Amino acid sequence: MLTRVNGPVSRRAKPLTDNAWKSDPVERTIFRAAYDHSFFYFLFQVEDDKIITSQKKDEVSVTDGDRIEIFLSRDTSLNPYYCFEISPTGLVYDYEAKYHRDFFPKWHAKGVRVKTTVSDHAYTVEGAIPMSLIKTISGIKNLHGNTIVAGLFRGDKDIRSTSEDDITWISWVRPAVSQPDFHIPSALGTFTFE
């Protein structure tokens, strides 16, 4: 649930603790969100003893390192849905997609703001997505009391590599598949705009 607040981020927190495809324990990830008439605000607080980022600066290089991810869609058909993958250094890989895994990387969200901080054992990603974009994605002019389909994910890299096998995937919702895939309806839940 999202709460309309005067400050940028609500005090309610949703932990992302589900290591969907391995039994290993995971480092804590906390998600918070809020909105006002201008922006949807989000905050990820990520514990990470080994923060890995790419040395490249092109946005797709976000997928080579640790990252948090937000997916948004009007409904579970995921036609279309919108993805924001963000590195600990604040590099954003944003793209439009259609189910299943039909990506359009030339799409870019206008007006998205991101700020990150990194310490020895953690990183924080704060962001703001314009409510005008949220309304366009949802197809709803007045979001108060309505919902939008959303996914919250974390990719935790173990070593500097481009292999997907070197990532521990953490999800808000446990997807109904045996192999890692967040680009499916069962990986998403709903945000309710209170």
C-alpha atoms as a PDB file:
ATOM      1  CA  MET A   1       0.000   0.000   0.000  1.00  0.00           C
ATOM      2  CA  LEU A   2       1.115   3.528  -0.642  1.00  0.00           C
ATOM      3  CA  THR A   3       0.259   6.281   1.749  1.00  0.00           C
ATOM      4  CA  ARG A   4      -0.261   9.867   0.794  1.00  0.00           C
ATOM      5  CA  VAL A   5       2.030  11.833   3.075  1.00  0.00           C
ATOM      6  CA  ASN A   6       3.440  15.321   3.391  1.00  0.00           C
ATOM      7  CA  GLY A   7       7.032  14.078   3.618  1.00  0.00           C
ATOM      8  CA  PRO A   8       8.767  12.353   0.735  1.00  0.00           C
ATOM      9  CA  VAL A   9       8.651   8.756   2.026  1.00  0.00           C
ATOM     10  CA  SER A  10       6.260   6.949   4.340  1.00  0.00           C
ATOM     11  CA  ARG A  11       7.359   5.343   7.592  1.00  0.00           C
ATOM     12  CA  ARG A  12       5.789   2.046   6.520  1.00  0.00           C
ATOM     13  CA  ALA A  13       8.375  -0.379   5.207  1.00  0.00           C
ATOM     14  CA  LYS A  14       8.076  -3.537   3.153  1.00  0.00           C
ATOM     15  CA  PRO A  15      11.030  -5.922   3.501  1.00  0.00           C
ATOM     16  CA  LEU A  16      12.126  -7.827   0.406  1.00  0.00           C
ATOM     17  CA  THR A  17      13.291 -11.085   1.933  1.00  0.00           C
ATOM     18  CA  ASP A  18      12.235 -13.811  -0.486  1.00  0.00           C
ATOM     19  CA  ASN A  19      15.199 -15.489  -2.130  1.00  0.00           C
ATOM     20  CA  ALA A  20      12.853 -17.036  -4.664  1.00  0.00           C
ATOM     21  CA  TRP A  21      15.090 -19.737  -6.136  1.00  0.00           C
ATOM     22  CA  LYS A  22      17.691 -20.572  -3.463  1.00  0.00           C
ATOM     23  CA  SER A  23      17.390 -21.547   0.173  1.00  0.00           C
ATOM     24  CA  ASP A  24      20.323 -19.342   1.223  1.00  0.00           C
ATOM     25  CA  PRO A  25      19.558 -16.430   3.557  1.00  0.00           C
ATOM     26  CA  VAL A  26      19.732 -12.982   1.981  1.00  0.00           C
ATOM     27  CA  GLU A  27      20.898  -9.613   3.188  1.00  0.00           C
ATOM     28  CA  ARG A  28      18.056  -7.288   4.125  1.00  0.00           C
ATOM     29  CA  THR A  29      16.367  -5.027   1.612  1.00  0.00           C
ATOM     30  CA  ILE A  30      13.716  -2.551   2.765  1.00  0.00           C
ATOM     31  CA  PHE A  31      11.323  -0.713   0.435  1.00  0.00           C
ATOM     32  CA  ARG A  32       9.289   2.373   1.316  1.00  0.00           C
ATOM     33  CA  ALA A  33       7.015   4.486  -0.867  1.00  0.00           C
ATOM     34  CA  ALA A  34       4.649   7.418  -0.824  1.00  0.00           C
ATOM     35  CA  TYR A  35       3.072   9.820  -3.278  1.00  0.00           C
ATOM     36  CA  ASP A  36       1.738  13.321  -3.607  1.00  0.00           C
ATOM     37  CA  HIS A  37       0.151  15.162  -6.520  1.00  0.00           C
ATOM     38  CA  SER A  38       3.536  15.518  -8.278  1.00  0.00           C
ATOM     39  CA  PHE A  39       5.553  12.353  -7.648  1.00  0.00           C
ATOM     40  CA  PHE A  40       5.598   8.713  -6.632  1.00  0.00           C
ATOM     41  CA  TYR A  41       8.502   8.523  -4.170  1.00  0.00           C
ATOM     42  CA  PHE A  42      10.428   5.348  -3.406  1.00  0.00           C
ATOM     43  CA  LEU A  43      13.308   4.316  -1.177  1.00  0.00           C
ATOM     44  CA  PHE A  44      15.299   1.084  -1.165  1.00  0.00           C
ATOM     45  CA  GLN A  45      17.663   0.462   1.758  1.00  0.00           C
ATOM     46  CA  VAL A  46      19.951  -2.412   0.801  1.00  0.00           C
ATOM     47  CA  GLU A  47      22.405  -4.305   3.016  1.00  0.00           C
ATOM     48  CA  ASP A  48      25.258  -5.567   0.835  1.00  0.00           C
ATOM     49  CA  ASP A  49      28.717  -6.670   2.008  1.00  0.00           C
ATOM     50  CA  LYS A  50      30.080  -6.759  -1.545  1.00  0.00           C
ATOM     51  CA  ILE A  51      28.690  -3.987  -3.767  1.00  0.00           C
ATOM     52  CA  ILE A  52      29.408  -4.679  -7.419  1.00  0.00           C
ATOM     53  CA  THR A  53      28.858  -2.151 -10.193  1.00  0.00           C
ATOM     54  CA  SER A  54      29.970  -1.959 -13.798  1.00  0.00           C
ATOM     55  CA  GLN A  55      32.763   0.381 -14.834  1.00  0.00           C
ATOM     56  CA  LYS A  56      30.806   1.162 -18.010  1.00  0.00           C
ATOM     57  CA  LYS A  57      28.471   4.152 -18.079  1.00  0.00           C
ATOM     58  CA  ASP A  58      25.881   3.038 -20.659  1.00  0.00           C
ATOM     59  CA  GLU A  59      22.536   2.361 -19.030  1.00  0.00           C
ATOM     60  CA  VAL A  60      22.306  -1.319 -19.990  1.00  0.00           C
ATOM     61  CA  SER A  61      25.495  -1.908 -17.953  1.00  0.00           C
ATOM     62  CA  VAL A  62      23.258  -1.661 -14.868  1.00  0.00           C
ATOM     63  CA  THR A  63      22.520  -5.348 -15.550  1.00  0.00           C
ATOM     64  CA  ASP A  64      26.201  -6.229 -14.976  1.00  0.00           C
ATOM     65  CA  GLY A  65      26.061  -5.411 -11.259  1.00  0.00           C
ATOM     66  CA  ASP A  66      23.979  -5.084  -8.125  1.00  0.00           C
ATOM     67  CA  ARG A  67      20.662  -3.351  -8.674  1.00  0.00           C
ATOM     68  CA  ILE A  68      17.132  -2.738  -7.519  1.00  0.00           C
ATOM     69  CA  GLU A  69      14.213  -2.960  -9.931  1.00  0.00           C
ATOM     70  CA  ILE A  70      10.688  -1.580 -10.137  1.00  0.00           C
ATOM     71  CA  PHE A  71       8.231  -2.829 -12.780  1.00  0.00           C
ATOM     72  CA  LEU A  72       4.904  -1.057 -13.349  1.00  0.00           C
ATOM     73  CA  SER A  73       1.913  -2.018 -15.495  1.00  0.00           C
ATOM     74  CA  ARG A  74      -1.761  -1.241 -15.935  1.00  0.00           C
ATOM     75  CA  ASP A  75      -2.724  -4.895 -15.450  1.00  0.00           C
ATOM     76  CA  THR A  76      -1.361  -8.428 -15.388  1.00  0.00           C
ATOM     77  CA  SER A  77      -1.430  -8.774 -19.182  1.00  0.00           C
ATOM     78  CA  LEU A  78       1.861  -6.826 -19.056  1.00  0.00           C
ATOM     79  CA  ASN A  79       1.087  -5.326 -22.443  1.00  0.00           C
ATOM     80  CA  PRO A  80       2.913  -3.039 -21.944  1.00  0.00           C
ATOM     81  CA  TYR A  81       4.878  -2.762 -18.720  1.00  0.00           C
ATOM     82  CA  TYR A  82       7.646  -0.374 -17.706  1.00  0.00           C
ATOM     83  CA  CYS A  83      10.920  -1.244 -16.000  1.00  0.00           C
ATOM     84  CA  PHE A  84      13.354   0.786 -13.935  1.00  0.00           C
ATOM     85  CA  GLU A  85      16.594  -0.984 -13.019  1.00  0.00           C
ATOM     86  CA  ILE A  86      18.862   1.186 -10.871  1.00  0.00           C
ATOM     87  CA  SER A  87      22.476   0.622  -9.820  1.00  0.00           C
ATOM     88  CA  PRO A  88      23.988   1.634  -6.458  1.00  0.00           C
ATOM     89  CA  THR A  89      25.717   4.491  -8.324  1.00  0.00           C
ATOM     90  CA  GLY A  90      22.395   5.889  -9.611  1.00  0.00           C
ATOM     91  CA  LEU A  91      22.619   4.727 -13.224  1.00  0.00           C
ATOM     92  CA  VAL A  92      19.092   4.005 -14.498  1.00  0.00           C
ATOM     93  CA  TYR A  93      18.195   1.456 -17.160  1.00  0.00           C
ATOM     94  CA  ASP A  94      14.592   2.241 -18.067  1.00  0.00           C
ATOM     95  CA  TYR A  95      12.653   0.525 -20.822  1.00  0.00           C
ATOM     96  CA  GLU A  96       9.220  -0.478 -22.029  1.00  0.00           C
ATOM     97  CA  ALA A  97       8.408  -4.160 -22.509  1.00  0.00           C
ATOM     98  CA  LYS A  98       5.584  -6.476 -23.528  1.00  0.00           C
ATOM     99  CA  TYR A  99       4.913  -9.941 -22.231  1.00  0.00           C
ATOM    100  CA  HIS A 100       6.982 -12.119 -22.574  1.00  0.00           C
ATOM    101  CA  ARG A 101      10.403 -10.410 -22.636  1.00  0.00           C
ATOM    102  CA  ASP A 102       9.806  -8.256 -25.690  1.00  0.00           C
ATOM    103  CA  PHE A 103      11.974  -5.266 -24.710  1.00  0.00           C
ATOM    104  CA  PHE A 104      11.992  -1.724 -26.150  1.00  0.00           C
ATOM    105  CA  PRO A 105      15.132  -0.104 -24.659  1.00  0.00           C
ATOM    106  CA  LYS A 106      14.686   3.140 -26.635  1.00  0.00           C
ATOM    107  CA  TRP A 107      11.799   4.131 -24.312  1.00  0.00           C
ATOM    108  CA  HIS A 108      12.904   6.514 -21.577  1.00  0.00           C
ATOM    109  CA  ALA A 109      10.936   8.005 -18.718  1.00  0.00           C
ATOM    110  CA  LYS A 110      11.055  11.777 -18.529  1.00  0.00           C
ATOM    111  CA  GLY A 111      11.362  13.546 -15.203  1.00  0.00           C
ATOM    112  CA  VAL A 112      12.521  10.565 -13.115  1.00  0.00           C
ATOM    113  CA  ARG A 113      14.869  11.609 -10.313  1.00  0.00           C
ATOM    114  CA  VAL A 114      17.296   9.260  -8.557  1.00  0.00           C
ATOM    115  CA  LYS A 115      19.779   9.778  -5.729  1.00  0.00           C
ATOM    116  CA  THR A 116      21.994   7.073  -4.243  1.00  0.00           C
ATOM    117  CA  THR A 117      24.372   6.726  -1.333  1.00  0.00           C
ATOM    118  CA  VAL A 118      26.911   3.942  -0.866  1.00  0.00           C
ATOM    119  CA  SER A 119      28.732   2.840   2.291  1.00  0.00           C
ATOM    120  CA  ASP A 120      30.980  -0.136   3.029  1.00  0.00           C
ATOM    121  CA  HIS A 121      28.115  -2.542   3.669  1.00  0.00           C
ATOM    122  CA  ALA A 122      24.997  -0.944   2.205  1.00  0.00           C
ATOM    123  CA  TYR A 123      23.509   1.295  -0.407  1.00  0.00           C
ATOM    124  CA  THR A 124      20.375   3.399  -0.640  1.00  0.00           C
ATOM    125  CA  VAL A 125      18.381   4.272  -3.733  1.00  0.00           C
ATOM    126  CA  GLU A 126      15.906   7.156  -3.448  1.00  0.00           C
ATOM    127  CA  GLY A 127      13.773   8.155  -6.376  1.00  0.00           C
ATOM    128  CA  ALA A 128      10.796  10.078  -7.645  1.00  0.00           C
ATOM    129  CA  ILE A 129       8.691   9.138 -10.674  1.00  0.00           C
ATOM    130  CA  PRO A 130       6.331  11.846 -11.975  1.00  0.00           C
ATOM    131  CA  MET A 131       2.700  11.097 -11.120  1.00  0.00           C
ATOM    132  CA  SER A 132       1.844  12.064 -14.697  1.00  0.00           C
ATOM    133  CA  LEU A 133       3.813   8.983 -15.833  1.00  0.00           C
ATOM    134  CA  ILE A 134       2.175   6.774 -13.185  1.00  0.00           C
ATOM    135  CA  LYS A 135      -1.242   7.968 -14.400  1.00  0.00           C
ATOM    136  CA  THR A 136      -0.290   7.273 -18.029  1.00  0.00           C
ATOM    137  CA  ILE A 137       0.925   3.763 -17.156  1.00  0.00           C
ATOM    138  CA  SER A 138      -2.176   2.991 -15.082  1.00  0.00           C
ATOM    139  CA  GLY A 139      -4.662   4.640 -17.430  1.00  0.00           C
ATOM    140  CA  ILE A 140      -6.298   6.214 -14.364  1.00  0.00           C
ATOM    141  CA  LYS A 141      -6.559   9.994 -13.941  1.00  0.00           C
ATOM    142  CA  ASN A 142      -7.340   9.923 -10.219  1.00  0.00           C
ATOM    143  CA  LEU A 143      -5.260   7.213  -8.561  1.00  0.00           C
ATOM    144  CA  HIS A 144      -6.598   7.812  -5.043  1.00  0.00           C
ATOM    145  CA  GLY A 145      -8.262   4.526  -4.024  1.00  0.00           C
ATOM    146  CA  ASN A 146      -7.047   2.687  -7.124  1.00  0.00           C
ATOM    147  CA  THR A 147      -4.257   0.209  -7.797  1.00  0.00           C
ATOM    148  CA  ILE A 148      -1.414  -0.347 -10.234  1.00  0.00           C
ATOM    149  CA  VAL A 149       0.388  -3.628 -10.893  1.00  0.00           C
ATOM    150  CA  ALA A 150       3.969  -3.498  -9.599  1.00  0.00           C
ATOM    151  CA  GLY A 151       7.035  -5.601  -9.046  1.00  0.00           C
ATOM    152  CA  LEU A 152       9.912  -4.947  -6.635  1.00  0.00           C
ATOM    153  CA  PHE A 153      13.147  -6.844  -7.104  1.00  0.00           C
ATOM    154  CA  ARG A 154      16.805  -6.905  -6.191  1.00  0.00           C
ATOM    155  CA  GLY A 155      19.682  -8.449  -8.079  1.00  0.00           C
ATOM    156  CA  ASP A 156      22.624  -9.169  -5.770  1.00  0.00           C
ATOM    157  CA  LYS A 157      25.800  -9.977  -7.706  1.00  0.00           C
ATOM    158  CA  ASP A 158      28.322 -12.282  -6.061  1.00  0.00           C
ATOM    159  CA  ILE A 159      31.253 -11.663  -8.398  1.00  0.00           C
ATOM    160  CA  ARG A 160      32.170  -9.255 -11.184  1.00  0.00           C
ATOM    161  CA  SER A 161      30.670 -11.150 -14.138  1.00  0.00           C
ATOM    162  CA  THR A 162      28.029 -10.735 -16.828  1.00  0.00           C
ATOM    163  CA  SER A 163      26.521 -14.156 -16.114  1.00  0.00           C
ATOM    164  CA  GLU A 164      22.969 -14.271 -14.774  1.00  0.00           C
ATOM    165  CA  ASP A 165      24.056 -17.343 -12.764  1.00  0.00           C
ATOM    166  CA  ASP A 166      26.105 -15.080 -10.493  1.00  0.00           C
ATOM    167  CA  ILE A 167      23.057 -13.178  -9.218  1.00  0.00           C
ATOM    168  CA  THR A 168      20.908 -13.879  -6.189  1.00  0.00           C
ATOM    169  CA  TRP A 169      17.390 -12.713  -7.033  1.00  0.00           C
ATOM    170  CA  ILE A 170      15.224 -11.263  -4.291  1.00  0.00           C
ATOM    171  CA  SER A 171      11.551 -10.520  -4.861  1.00  0.00           C
ATOM    172  CA  TRP A 172       8.617  -8.849  -3.142  1.00  0.00           C
ATOM    173  CA  VAL A 173       6.297 -11.518  -4.574  1.00  0.00           C
ATOM    174  CA  ARG A 174       7.420 -15.118  -5.140  1.00  0.00           C
ATOM    175  CA  PRO A 175       6.922 -15.843  -8.852  1.00  0.00           C
ATOM    176  CA  ALA A 176       5.231 -19.123  -9.826  1.00  0.00           C
ATOM    177  CA  VAL A 177       8.201 -20.464 -11.827  1.00  0.00           C
ATOM    178  CA  SER A 178      11.122 -22.745 -11.022  1.00  0.00           C
ATOM    179  CA  GLN A 179      13.803 -20.602 -12.732  1.00  0.00           C
ATOM    180  CA  PRO A 180      14.466 -16.862 -12.228  1.00  0.00           C
ATOM    181  CA  ASP A 181      12.038 -14.701 -14.241  1.00  0.00           C
ATOM    182  CA  PHE A 182      10.404 -11.471 -13.083  1.00  0.00           C
ATOM    183  CA  HIS A 183       8.948 -10.609 -16.485  1.00  0.00           C
ATOM    184  CA  ILE A 184       5.790 -12.627 -15.805  1.00  0.00           C
ATOM    185  CA  PRO A 185       2.424 -11.773 -14.206  1.00  0.00           C
ATOM    186  CA  SER A 186       2.959 -13.942 -11.119  1.00  0.00           C
ATOM    187  CA  ALA A 187       6.038 -11.891 -10.139  1.00  0.00           C
ATOM    188  CA  LEU A 188       3.977  -8.735  -9.641  1.00  0.00           C
ATOM    189  CA  GLY A 189       1.677  -7.558  -6.889  1.00  0.00           C
ATOM    190  CA  THR A 190      -0.318  -4.349  -6.583  1.00  0.00           C
ATOM    191  CA  PHE A 191       0.245  -0.914  -5.122  1.00  0.00           C
ATOM    192  CA  THR A 192      -2.878   0.665  -3.654  1.00  0.00           C
ATOM    193  CA  PHE A 193      -2.943   4.456  -3.630  1.00  0.00           C
ATOM    194  CA  GLU A 194      -4.634   5.300  -0.314  1.00  0.00           C
END
